[in-house]
N, C-alpha and C. Protein backbone atom coordinates (compact mmCIF):
# COMPACT_ATOMS: atom_id res chain seq x y z
N MET A 1 -16.69 -34.93 -8.62
CA MET A 1 -17.76 -33.98 -8.84
C MET A 1 -17.65 -32.86 -7.81
N PHE A 2 -18.00 -31.66 -8.21
CA PHE A 2 -17.92 -30.47 -7.36
C PHE A 2 -19.13 -30.42 -6.45
N ASN A 3 -18.87 -30.35 -5.13
CA ASN A 3 -19.95 -30.33 -4.15
C ASN A 3 -20.17 -28.91 -3.65
N VAL A 4 -21.20 -28.27 -4.16
CA VAL A 4 -21.49 -26.88 -3.82
C VAL A 4 -21.92 -26.76 -2.37
N ASP A 5 -22.65 -27.73 -1.86
CA ASP A 5 -23.14 -27.69 -0.48
C ASP A 5 -21.96 -27.71 0.51
N ALA A 6 -20.97 -28.53 0.23
CA ALA A 6 -19.79 -28.58 1.11
C ALA A 6 -19.02 -27.26 1.06
N LEU A 7 -18.94 -26.66 -0.12
CA LEU A 7 -18.26 -25.37 -0.25
C LEU A 7 -18.97 -24.30 0.57
N LEU A 8 -20.28 -24.25 0.48
CA LEU A 8 -21.05 -23.24 1.20
C LEU A 8 -20.97 -23.44 2.71
N LYS A 9 -20.87 -24.69 3.15
CA LYS A 9 -20.74 -24.96 4.59
C LYS A 9 -19.34 -24.61 5.10
N SER A 10 -18.34 -24.67 4.24
CA SER A 10 -16.97 -24.40 4.68
C SER A 10 -16.60 -22.92 4.60
N LEU A 11 -17.36 -22.11 3.89
CA LEU A 11 -17.03 -20.69 3.75
C LEU A 11 -16.98 -19.95 5.09
N PRO A 12 -17.94 -20.14 6.00
CA PRO A 12 -17.83 -19.43 7.29
C PRO A 12 -16.58 -19.84 8.08
N ILE A 13 -16.20 -21.09 8.02
CA ILE A 13 -15.00 -21.55 8.72
C ILE A 13 -13.76 -20.92 8.12
N MET A 14 -13.69 -20.88 6.79
CA MET A 14 -12.54 -20.24 6.13
C MET A 14 -12.51 -18.74 6.42
N GLY A 15 -13.67 -18.11 6.48
CA GLY A 15 -13.75 -16.69 6.80
C GLY A 15 -13.23 -16.40 8.20
N LEU A 16 -13.58 -17.25 9.16
CA LEU A 16 -13.08 -17.06 10.52
C LEU A 16 -11.57 -17.25 10.58
N GLY A 17 -11.06 -18.19 9.80
CA GLY A 17 -9.62 -18.40 9.76
C GLY A 17 -8.89 -17.19 9.20
N MET A 18 -9.42 -16.62 8.12
CA MET A 18 -8.80 -15.43 7.54
C MET A 18 -8.90 -14.24 8.50
N LEU A 19 -10.02 -14.10 9.17
CA LEU A 19 -10.18 -13.03 10.15
C LEU A 19 -9.17 -13.18 11.28
N GLY A 20 -8.95 -14.40 11.73
CA GLY A 20 -7.95 -14.65 12.77
C GLY A 20 -6.55 -14.28 12.31
N ILE A 21 -6.23 -14.58 11.07
CA ILE A 21 -4.91 -14.23 10.54
C ILE A 21 -4.72 -12.73 10.52
N PHE A 22 -5.73 -11.98 10.06
CA PHE A 22 -5.63 -10.53 10.01
C PHE A 22 -5.55 -9.91 11.40
N ILE A 23 -6.26 -10.50 12.36
CA ILE A 23 -6.20 -9.99 13.74
C ILE A 23 -4.81 -10.19 14.31
N VAL A 24 -4.22 -11.36 14.09
CA VAL A 24 -2.87 -11.63 14.60
C VAL A 24 -1.84 -10.71 13.95
N ILE A 25 -1.93 -10.52 12.64
CA ILE A 25 -1.01 -9.60 11.96
C ILE A 25 -1.18 -8.19 12.50
N GLY A 26 -2.41 -7.75 12.72
CA GLY A 26 -2.66 -6.43 13.28
C GLY A 26 -2.08 -6.28 14.68
N LEU A 27 -2.21 -7.31 15.51
CA LEU A 27 -1.64 -7.27 16.85
C LEU A 27 -0.12 -7.19 16.81
N ILE A 28 0.51 -7.95 15.93
CA ILE A 28 1.97 -7.90 15.80
C ILE A 28 2.41 -6.51 15.37
N MET A 29 1.71 -5.92 14.41
CA MET A 29 2.05 -4.57 13.96
C MET A 29 1.88 -3.56 15.09
N LEU A 30 0.81 -3.70 15.88
CA LEU A 30 0.57 -2.79 17.00
C LEU A 30 1.67 -2.92 18.05
N ILE A 31 2.07 -4.14 18.37
CA ILE A 31 3.13 -4.35 19.35
C ILE A 31 4.45 -3.76 18.87
N ILE A 32 4.77 -3.95 17.60
CA ILE A 32 6.01 -3.39 17.04
C ILE A 32 5.96 -1.86 17.09
N TRP A 33 4.81 -1.25 16.78
CA TRP A 33 4.67 0.20 16.83
C TRP A 33 4.84 0.72 18.26
N ILE A 34 4.22 0.03 19.23
CA ILE A 34 4.34 0.43 20.63
C ILE A 34 5.79 0.32 21.10
N LEU A 35 6.46 -0.76 20.74
CA LEU A 35 7.86 -0.91 21.13
C LEU A 35 8.74 0.16 20.47
N GLY A 36 8.43 0.53 19.24
CA GLY A 36 9.17 1.59 18.58
C GLY A 36 9.00 2.94 19.26
N LYS A 37 7.80 3.20 19.79
CA LYS A 37 7.57 4.44 20.52
C LYS A 37 8.21 4.40 21.91
N ALA A 38 8.20 3.23 22.55
CA ALA A 38 8.74 3.11 23.90
C ALA A 38 10.26 3.15 23.90
N PHE A 39 10.88 2.58 22.88
CA PHE A 39 12.34 2.52 22.79
C PHE A 39 12.80 3.07 21.45
N PRO A 40 12.83 4.39 21.31
CA PRO A 40 13.21 4.98 20.01
C PRO A 40 14.68 4.71 19.69
N ALA A 41 14.99 4.68 18.43
CA ALA A 41 16.35 4.43 17.98
C ALA A 41 17.22 5.65 18.31
N LYS A 42 18.43 5.39 18.76
CA LYS A 42 19.34 6.48 19.08
C LYS A 42 20.02 6.95 17.81
N LYS A 43 20.09 8.26 17.62
CA LYS A 43 20.72 8.83 16.44
C LYS A 43 22.12 9.26 16.80
N ASP A 44 23.09 8.81 16.03
CA ASP A 44 24.49 9.19 16.26
C ASP A 44 24.74 10.58 15.69
N LYS A 45 25.35 11.42 16.50
CA LYS A 45 25.72 12.78 16.03
C LYS A 45 27.21 12.79 15.76
N GLN A 46 27.53 12.97 14.49
CA GLN A 46 28.94 13.00 14.08
C GLN A 46 29.27 14.38 13.53
N ASP A 47 30.38 14.96 14.04
CA ASP A 47 30.82 16.25 13.53
C ASP A 47 31.74 16.05 12.36
N ASN A 48 31.49 16.74 11.27
CA ASN A 48 32.33 16.62 10.08
C ASN A 48 33.34 17.73 10.01
């Protein structure tokens, strides 16, 4: 049988878990962006 009360009690916990996942993904993206600005890729100049 489907327990609606258990579902409603678990929603805030699941919401916090999803929020944590998005925060971690955002931090990883921010760190990668900062590293990209700090150490830019070198462009090779080739004469044709």
